[in-house]
Amino acid sequence: LRAASWLVIWGAVIALGEHAGWATLLALDEARLNPHARVHFFMAGVYAAIGGILLCVIALTLLREGHRVAWFALLFALVVGGTFEVVMNGPTGLLFQHGFSTTESIPNGMALFGYPFAWLAALVIAWRPVFAGGPTESF
């Protein structure tokens, strides 16, 4: 469970750096944006950071203790976040295409897709300890 929790944190750091970072930078650097829109970009970055930090807290506390609610919280983050990431931002994304074959994307942009694999690995690693005798109480 310790390894699973560190994989969650590693994935959250990737997502935080990319998404919260970009939203905040756009808010601060894009003076041509409507001031109202700039506030929304900035707050999207703030709330993304809060969500990422909370996911790390869940990993360091509840997941390490084997709570099923932590496993399902991570599954939810992976399914919802990972699906939107691939659909909107993947190699054939609807908003932007990260990948090796596109001219606007840089290859290191593919590192962004490390977090779904890290979270999937964490879920697999944590499966047996969580569901084969771990705490069953849920909040």
N, C-alpha and C. Protein backbone atom coordinates (compact mmCIF):
# COMPACT_ATOMS: atom_id res chain seq x y z
N LEU A 1 0.81 -1.20 0.00
CA LEU A 1 0.00 0.00 0.00
C LEU A 1 0.85 1.26 0.00
N ARG A 2 2.03 1.16 0.57
CA ARG A 2 2.94 2.31 0.53
C ARG A 2 3.35 2.61 -0.91
N ALA A 3 3.69 1.59 -1.68
CA ALA A 3 4.06 1.80 -3.09
C ALA A 3 2.88 2.37 -3.88
N ALA A 4 1.68 1.87 -3.63
CA ALA A 4 0.50 2.37 -4.32
C ALA A 4 0.27 3.84 -4.00
N SER A 5 0.44 4.21 -2.74
CA SER A 5 0.22 5.61 -2.37
C SER A 5 1.24 6.52 -3.03
N TRP A 6 2.49 6.08 -3.15
CA TRP A 6 3.50 6.92 -3.82
C TRP A 6 3.24 7.01 -5.32
N LEU A 7 2.70 5.98 -5.93
CA LEU A 7 2.31 6.07 -7.34
C LEU A 7 1.19 7.08 -7.54
N VAL A 8 0.24 7.13 -6.61
CA VAL A 8 -0.82 8.13 -6.68
C VAL A 8 -0.23 9.53 -6.60
N ILE A 9 0.69 9.73 -5.68
CA ILE A 9 1.31 11.04 -5.50
C ILE A 9 2.11 11.42 -6.74
N TRP A 10 2.88 10.49 -7.28
CA TRP A 10 3.66 10.77 -8.49
C TRP A 10 2.73 11.19 -9.63
N GLY A 11 1.64 10.47 -9.81
CA GLY A 11 0.68 10.83 -10.85
C GLY A 11 0.03 12.17 -10.60
N ALA A 12 -0.29 12.47 -9.34
CA ALA A 12 -0.90 13.76 -9.02
C ALA A 12 0.06 14.91 -9.29
N VAL A 13 1.33 14.71 -9.02
CA VAL A 13 2.32 15.76 -9.29
C VAL A 13 2.39 16.05 -10.79
N ILE A 14 2.32 15.02 -11.62
CA ILE A 14 2.32 15.22 -13.07
C ILE A 14 1.08 16.02 -13.48
N ALA A 15 -0.08 15.61 -13.02
CA ALA A 15 -1.32 16.29 -13.39
C ALA A 15 -1.35 17.72 -12.84
N LEU A 16 -0.87 17.91 -11.63
CA LEU A 16 -0.84 19.26 -11.04
C LEU A 16 0.08 20.18 -11.82
N GLY A 17 1.26 19.70 -12.13
CA GLY A 17 2.21 20.53 -12.86
C GLY A 17 1.68 20.94 -14.22
N GLU A 18 1.02 20.04 -14.88
CA GLU A 18 0.50 20.32 -16.21
C GLU A 18 -0.77 21.15 -16.16
N HIS A 19 -1.76 20.71 -15.46
CA HIS A 19 -3.07 21.36 -15.54
C HIS A 19 -3.21 22.57 -14.63
N ALA A 20 -2.87 22.43 -13.36
CA ALA A 20 -2.95 23.60 -12.47
C ALA A 20 -1.93 24.65 -12.91
N GLY A 21 -0.77 24.19 -13.33
CA GLY A 21 0.26 25.13 -13.78
C GLY A 21 -0.15 25.92 -15.00
N TRP A 22 -0.66 25.23 -16.02
CA TRP A 22 -1.09 25.92 -17.24
C TRP A 22 -2.23 26.89 -16.97
N ALA A 23 -3.21 26.47 -16.19
CA ALA A 23 -4.35 27.35 -15.91
C ALA A 23 -3.89 28.62 -15.20
N THR A 24 -3.01 28.47 -14.23
CA THR A 24 -2.52 29.63 -13.50
C THR A 24 -1.67 30.53 -14.39
N LEU A 25 -0.78 29.92 -15.18
CA LEU A 25 0.06 30.73 -16.09
C LEU A 25 -0.77 31.48 -17.12
N LEU A 26 -1.79 30.82 -17.66
CA LEU A 26 -2.65 31.52 -18.62
C LEU A 26 -3.32 32.72 -17.97
N ALA A 27 -3.77 32.55 -16.75
CA ALA A 27 -4.43 33.65 -16.06
C ALA A 27 -3.49 34.82 -15.83
N LEU A 28 -2.24 34.53 -15.53
CA LEU A 28 -1.29 35.59 -15.21
C LEU A 28 -0.62 36.19 -16.46
N ASP A 29 -0.44 35.40 -17.50
CA ASP A 29 0.33 35.86 -18.67
C ASP A 29 -0.49 36.34 -19.85
N GLU A 30 -1.72 35.93 -19.95
CA GLU A 30 -2.53 36.27 -21.13
C GLU A 30 -3.34 37.54 -20.88
N ALA A 31 -2.70 38.69 -21.01
CA ALA A 31 -3.36 39.96 -20.77
C ALA A 31 -4.47 40.22 -21.78
N ARG A 32 -4.40 39.55 -22.93
CA ARG A 32 -5.41 39.78 -23.96
C ARG A 32 -6.75 39.13 -23.62
N LEU A 33 -6.75 38.25 -22.62
CA LEU A 33 -8.01 37.62 -22.20
C LEU A 33 -8.89 38.62 -21.47
N ASN A 34 -10.17 38.40 -21.55
CA ASN A 34 -11.13 39.17 -20.77
C ASN A 34 -10.77 39.01 -19.30
N PRO A 35 -10.75 40.11 -18.52
CA PRO A 35 -10.38 39.99 -17.09
C PRO A 35 -11.24 38.98 -16.33
N HIS A 36 -12.50 38.89 -16.67
CA HIS A 36 -13.37 37.92 -16.02
C HIS A 36 -12.92 36.50 -16.35
N ALA A 37 -12.56 36.26 -17.60
CA ALA A 37 -12.07 34.94 -18.00
C ALA A 37 -10.74 34.61 -17.31
N ARG A 38 -9.89 35.61 -17.13
CA ARG A 38 -8.60 35.39 -16.46
C ARG A 38 -8.82 34.88 -15.04
N VAL A 39 -9.81 35.46 -14.34
CA VAL A 39 -10.11 35.01 -12.98
C VAL A 39 -10.54 33.54 -12.99
N HIS A 40 -11.33 33.16 -13.99
CA HIS A 40 -11.79 31.77 -14.05
C HIS A 40 -10.64 30.81 -14.35
N PHE A 41 -9.71 31.20 -15.23
CA PHE A 41 -8.53 30.37 -15.48
C PHE A 41 -7.72 30.22 -14.19
N PHE A 42 -7.53 31.34 -13.49
CA PHE A 42 -6.75 31.30 -12.26
C PHE A 42 -7.41 30.40 -11.22
N MET A 43 -8.71 30.55 -11.03
CA MET A 43 -9.42 29.74 -10.04
C MET A 43 -9.47 28.27 -10.45
N ALA A 44 -9.51 27.98 -11.75
CA ALA A 44 -9.45 26.59 -12.20
C ALA A 44 -8.11 25.98 -11.77
N GLY A 45 -7.05 26.75 -11.89
CA GLY A 45 -5.74 26.28 -11.43
C GLY A 45 -5.70 26.06 -9.94
N VAL A 46 -6.29 26.97 -9.18
CA VAL A 46 -6.32 26.84 -7.72
C VAL A 46 -7.10 25.60 -7.32
N TYR A 47 -8.28 25.42 -7.90
CA TYR A 47 -9.08 24.25 -7.53
C TYR A 47 -8.46 22.94 -8.03
N ALA A 48 -7.77 22.97 -9.14
CA ALA A 48 -7.05 21.78 -9.59
C ALA A 48 -5.95 21.42 -8.59
N ALA A 49 -5.26 22.43 -8.09
CA ALA A 49 -4.21 22.19 -7.09
C ALA A 49 -4.82 21.62 -5.81
N ILE A 50 -5.94 22.19 -5.37
CA ILE A 50 -6.60 21.69 -4.16
C ILE A 50 -7.01 20.22 -4.36
N GLY A 51 -7.60 19.90 -5.51
CA GLY A 51 -8.01 18.52 -5.77
C GLY A 51 -6.82 17.56 -5.79
N GLY A 52 -5.73 17.98 -6.41
CA GLY A 52 -4.54 17.14 -6.44
C GLY A 52 -3.95 16.91 -5.07
N ILE A 53 -3.92 17.96 -4.27
CA ILE A 53 -3.40 17.84 -2.90
C ILE A 53 -4.30 16.92 -2.08
N LEU A 54 -5.61 17.07 -2.22
CA LEU A 54 -6.52 16.18 -1.48
C LEU A 54 -6.36 14.73 -1.90
N LEU A 55 -6.13 14.48 -3.19
CA LEU A 55 -5.90 13.12 -3.64
C LEU A 55 -4.62 12.56 -3.01
N CYS A 56 -3.60 13.39 -2.88
CA CYS A 56 -2.36 12.96 -2.21
C CYS A 56 -2.61 12.67 -0.73
N VAL A 57 -3.42 13.49 -0.07
CA VAL A 57 -3.74 13.24 1.35
C VAL A 57 -4.50 11.92 1.49
N ILE A 58 -5.45 11.67 0.58
CA ILE A 58 -6.17 10.40 0.60
C ILE A 58 -5.20 9.24 0.44
N ALA A 59 -4.24 9.39 -0.48
CA ALA A 59 -3.27 8.31 -0.71
C ALA A 59 -2.39 8.08 0.52
N LEU A 60 -1.96 9.16 1.16
CA LEU A 60 -1.05 9.03 2.30
C LEU A 60 -1.74 8.56 3.57
N THR A 61 -3.04 8.71 3.65
CA THR A 61 -3.75 8.31 4.87
C THR A 61 -4.63 7.09 4.61
N LEU A 62 -5.72 7.29 3.93
CA LEU A 62 -6.72 6.23 3.79
C LEU A 62 -6.23 5.05 2.95
N LEU A 63 -5.57 5.32 1.83
CA LEU A 63 -5.10 4.21 0.99
C LEU A 63 -4.04 3.41 1.72
N ARG A 64 -3.12 4.07 2.39
CA ARG A 64 -2.08 3.35 3.14
C ARG A 64 -2.67 2.47 4.24
N GLU A 65 -3.84 2.87 4.75
CA GLU A 65 -4.49 2.08 5.79
C GLU A 65 -5.40 1.01 5.20
N GLY A 66 -5.55 0.98 3.89
CA GLY A 66 -6.34 -0.06 3.24
C GLY A 66 -7.83 0.21 3.17
N HIS A 67 -8.24 1.46 3.27
CA HIS A 67 -9.67 1.79 3.22
C HIS A 67 -10.19 1.71 1.78
N ARG A 68 -11.31 1.05 1.65
CA ARG A 68 -11.92 0.89 0.32
C ARG A 68 -12.36 2.22 -0.28
N VAL A 69 -12.78 3.15 0.56
CA VAL A 69 -13.23 4.45 0.04
C VAL A 69 -12.08 5.15 -0.69
N ALA A 70 -10.85 4.97 -0.24
CA ALA A 70 -9.69 5.57 -0.91
C ALA A 70 -9.47 4.90 -2.27
N TRP A 71 -9.61 3.59 -2.32
CA TRP A 71 -9.43 2.87 -3.58
C TRP A 71 -10.47 3.35 -4.59
N PHE A 72 -11.72 3.48 -4.15
CA PHE A 72 -12.77 3.93 -5.07
C PHE A 72 -12.62 5.40 -5.44
N ALA A 73 -12.11 6.23 -4.56
CA ALA A 73 -11.85 7.64 -4.89
C ALA A 73 -10.80 7.73 -6.00
N LEU A 74 -9.76 6.91 -5.88
CA LEU A 74 -8.73 6.88 -6.92
C LEU A 74 -9.29 6.34 -8.22
N LEU A 75 -10.10 5.30 -8.16
CA LEU A 75 -10.73 4.75 -9.36
C LEU A 75 -11.58 5.82 -10.05
N PHE A 76 -12.35 6.57 -9.27
CA PHE A 76 -13.18 7.64 -9.82
C PHE A 76 -12.31 8.70 -10.50
N ALA A 77 -11.24 9.13 -9.83
CA ALA A 77 -10.34 10.14 -10.42
C ALA A 77 -9.74 9.62 -11.72
N LEU A 78 -9.35 8.36 -11.74
CA LEU A 78 -8.76 7.78 -12.94
C LEU A 78 -9.77 7.68 -14.07
N VAL A 79 -10.94 7.15 -13.80
CA VAL A 79 -11.93 6.95 -14.86
C VAL A 79 -12.40 8.29 -15.41
N VAL A 80 -12.77 9.21 -14.55
CA VAL A 80 -13.28 10.50 -15.02
C VAL A 80 -12.15 11.35 -15.60
N GLY A 81 -11.12 11.58 -14.82
CA GLY A 81 -10.01 12.42 -15.29
C GLY A 81 -9.27 11.82 -16.46
N GLY A 82 -8.97 10.53 -16.37
CA GLY A 82 -8.24 9.88 -17.46
C GLY A 82 -9.02 9.84 -18.75
N THR A 83 -10.32 9.63 -18.65
CA THR A 83 -11.16 9.61 -19.86
C THR A 83 -11.19 10.98 -20.52
N PHE A 84 -11.42 12.02 -19.72
CA PHE A 84 -11.41 13.37 -20.30
C PHE A 84 -10.05 13.73 -20.86
N GLU A 85 -8.98 13.30 -20.19
CA GLU A 85 -7.62 13.59 -20.66
C GLU A 85 -7.41 13.00 -22.05
N VAL A 86 -7.76 11.75 -22.23
CA VAL A 86 -7.53 11.09 -23.51
C VAL A 86 -8.46 11.64 -24.60
N VAL A 87 -9.73 11.83 -24.25
CA VAL A 87 -10.70 12.29 -25.25
C VAL A 87 -10.40 13.71 -25.69
N MET A 88 -10.08 14.59 -24.77
CA MET A 88 -9.90 15.99 -25.10
C MET A 88 -8.46 16.35 -25.46
N ASN A 89 -7.48 15.57 -24.96
CA ASN A 89 -6.10 15.99 -25.04
C ASN A 89 -5.17 14.88 -25.53
N GLY A 90 -5.72 13.76 -25.92
CA GLY A 90 -4.91 12.63 -26.34
C GLY A 90 -4.37 12.78 -27.76
N PRO A 91 -3.78 11.74 -28.28
CA PRO A 91 -3.21 11.80 -29.63
C PRO A 91 -4.23 12.18 -30.71
N THR A 92 -5.49 11.89 -30.49
CA THR A 92 -6.54 12.33 -31.43
C THR A 92 -7.57 13.17 -30.68
N GLY A 93 -7.10 13.97 -29.71
CA GLY A 93 -7.97 14.74 -28.84
C GLY A 93 -8.84 15.76 -29.55
N LEU A 94 -9.96 16.06 -28.94
CA LEU A 94 -10.90 17.00 -29.51
C LEU A 94 -10.44 18.45 -29.38
N LEU A 95 -9.70 18.79 -28.30
CA LEU A 95 -9.23 20.16 -28.11
C LEU A 95 -7.78 20.34 -28.52
N PHE A 96 -6.95 19.37 -28.24
CA PHE A 96 -5.53 19.43 -28.59
C PHE A 96 -5.03 18.01 -28.74
N GLN A 97 -4.05 17.81 -29.60
CA GLN A 97 -3.52 16.47 -29.83
C GLN A 97 -2.08 16.40 -29.32
N HIS A 98 -1.91 15.83 -28.13
CA HIS A 98 -0.57 15.53 -27.64
C HIS A 98 -0.10 14.26 -28.33
N GLY A 99 1.09 14.29 -28.84
CA GLY A 99 1.60 13.08 -29.46
C GLY A 99 2.84 13.35 -30.27
N PHE A 100 3.42 12.31 -30.81
CA PHE A 100 4.65 12.43 -31.58
C PHE A 100 4.39 12.84 -33.01
N SER A 101 3.18 12.62 -33.49
CA SER A 101 2.91 12.86 -34.91
C SER A 101 2.35 14.26 -35.19
N THR A 102 2.02 15.03 -34.17
CA THR A 102 1.46 16.35 -34.41
C THR A 102 2.57 17.40 -34.43
N THR A 103 2.36 18.44 -35.19
CA THR A 103 3.40 19.46 -35.31
C THR A 103 3.40 20.44 -34.14
N GLU A 104 2.24 20.65 -33.49
CA GLU A 104 2.19 21.59 -32.38
C GLU A 104 2.62 20.98 -31.05
N SER A 105 2.53 19.68 -30.93
CA SER A 105 2.86 19.02 -29.68
C SER A 105 4.34 18.69 -29.65
N ILE A 106 4.92 18.82 -28.48
CA ILE A 106 6.31 18.42 -28.31
C ILE A 106 6.32 17.03 -27.68
N PRO A 107 7.29 16.20 -28.02
CA PRO A 107 7.27 14.81 -27.52
C PRO A 107 7.20 14.70 -26.01
N ASN A 108 7.82 15.62 -25.26
CA ASN A 108 7.76 15.47 -23.81
C ASN A 108 6.35 15.73 -23.28
N GLY A 109 5.45 16.25 -24.13
CA GLY A 109 4.04 16.38 -23.74
C GLY A 109 3.40 15.03 -23.50
N MET A 110 3.99 13.99 -24.08
CA MET A 110 3.46 12.64 -23.85
C MET A 110 3.67 12.18 -22.41
N ALA A 111 4.60 12.81 -21.69
CA ALA A 111 4.82 12.46 -20.29
C ALA A 111 3.58 12.73 -19.46
N LEU A 112 2.71 13.62 -19.94
CA LEU A 112 1.47 13.92 -19.26
C LEU A 112 0.64 12.66 -19.05
N PHE A 113 0.74 11.72 -19.95
CA PHE A 113 -0.06 10.51 -19.85
C PHE A 113 0.53 9.49 -18.88
N GLY A 114 1.55 9.88 -18.14
CA GLY A 114 2.11 9.00 -17.12
C GLY A 114 1.19 8.82 -15.92
N TYR A 115 0.38 9.85 -15.62
CA TYR A 115 -0.44 9.72 -14.42
C TYR A 115 -1.53 8.67 -14.52
N PRO A 116 -2.21 8.49 -15.67
CA PRO A 116 -3.20 7.40 -15.69
C PRO A 116 -2.56 6.03 -15.47
N PHE A 117 -1.37 5.82 -16.01
CA PHE A 117 -0.69 4.54 -15.82
C PHE A 117 -0.23 4.37 -14.37
N ALA A 118 0.23 5.46 -13.75
CA ALA A 118 0.64 5.39 -12.35
C ALA A 118 -0.56 5.06 -11.46
N TRP A 119 -1.69 5.71 -11.72
CA TRP A 119 -2.87 5.46 -10.91
C TRP A 119 -3.45 4.07 -11.16
N LEU A 120 -3.39 3.60 -12.39
CA LEU A 120 -3.84 2.24 -12.68
C LEU A 120 -2.96 1.22 -11.95
N ALA A 121 -1.65 1.44 -11.98
CA ALA A 121 -0.73 0.56 -11.27
C ALA A 121 -1.02 0.58 -9.76
N ALA A 122 -1.31 1.76 -9.22
CA ALA A 122 -1.63 1.87 -7.79
C ALA A 122 -2.89 1.08 -7.46
N LEU A 123 -3.89 1.17 -8.32
CA LEU A 123 -5.13 0.41 -8.09
C LEU A 123 -4.87 -1.10 -8.10
N VAL A 124 -4.06 -1.54 -9.05
CA VAL A 124 -3.75 -2.97 -9.15
C VAL A 124 -2.97 -3.43 -7.92
N ILE A 125 -1.97 -2.67 -7.53
CA ILE A 125 -1.15 -3.02 -6.37
C ILE A 125 -1.99 -3.07 -5.10
N ALA A 126 -2.91 -2.11 -4.97
CA ALA A 126 -3.69 -1.99 -3.74
C ALA A 126 -4.89 -2.94 -3.69
N TRP A 127 -5.24 -3.55 -4.82
CA TRP A 127 -6.45 -4.37 -4.87
C TRP A 127 -6.49 -5.43 -3.77
N ARG A 128 -5.48 -6.29 -3.72
CA ARG A 128 -5.51 -7.41 -2.78
C ARG A 128 -5.49 -6.93 -1.32
N PRO A 129 -4.58 -6.02 -0.94
CA PRO A 129 -4.61 -5.59 0.47
C PRO A 129 -5.91 -4.90 0.88
N VAL A 130 -6.52 -4.18 -0.04
CA VAL A 130 -7.74 -3.44 0.29
C VAL A 130 -8.96 -4.35 0.36
N PHE A 131 -9.07 -5.28 -0.58
CA PHE A 131 -10.29 -6.08 -0.67
C PHE A 131 -10.17 -7.49 -0.08
N ALA A 132 -9.00 -7.87 0.36
CA ALA A 132 -8.84 -9.19 0.96
C ALA A 132 -8.47 -9.06 2.44
N GLY A 133 -9.33 -8.39 3.17
CA GLY A 133 -9.12 -8.33 4.60
C GLY A 133 -8.80 -6.96 5.15
N GLY A 134 -8.72 -5.93 4.32
CA GLY A 134 -8.49 -4.58 4.82
C GLY A 134 -9.72 -4.04 5.50
N PRO A 135 -9.61 -2.84 6.07
CA PRO A 135 -10.78 -2.24 6.71
C PRO A 135 -11.93 -2.11 5.74
N THR A 136 -13.13 -2.36 6.21
CA THR A 136 -14.30 -2.29 5.33
C THR A 136 -15.15 -1.07 5.62
N GLU A 137 -14.83 -0.33 6.69
CA GLU A 137 -15.65 0.83 6.99
C GLU A 137 -15.44 1.91 5.93
N SER A 138 -16.47 2.63 5.72
CA SER A 138 -16.44 3.69 4.72
C SER A 138 -17.07 4.91 5.35
N PHE A 139 -16.66 6.06 4.92
CA PHE A 139 -17.11 7.30 5.55
C PHE A 139 -18.45 7.72 5.07
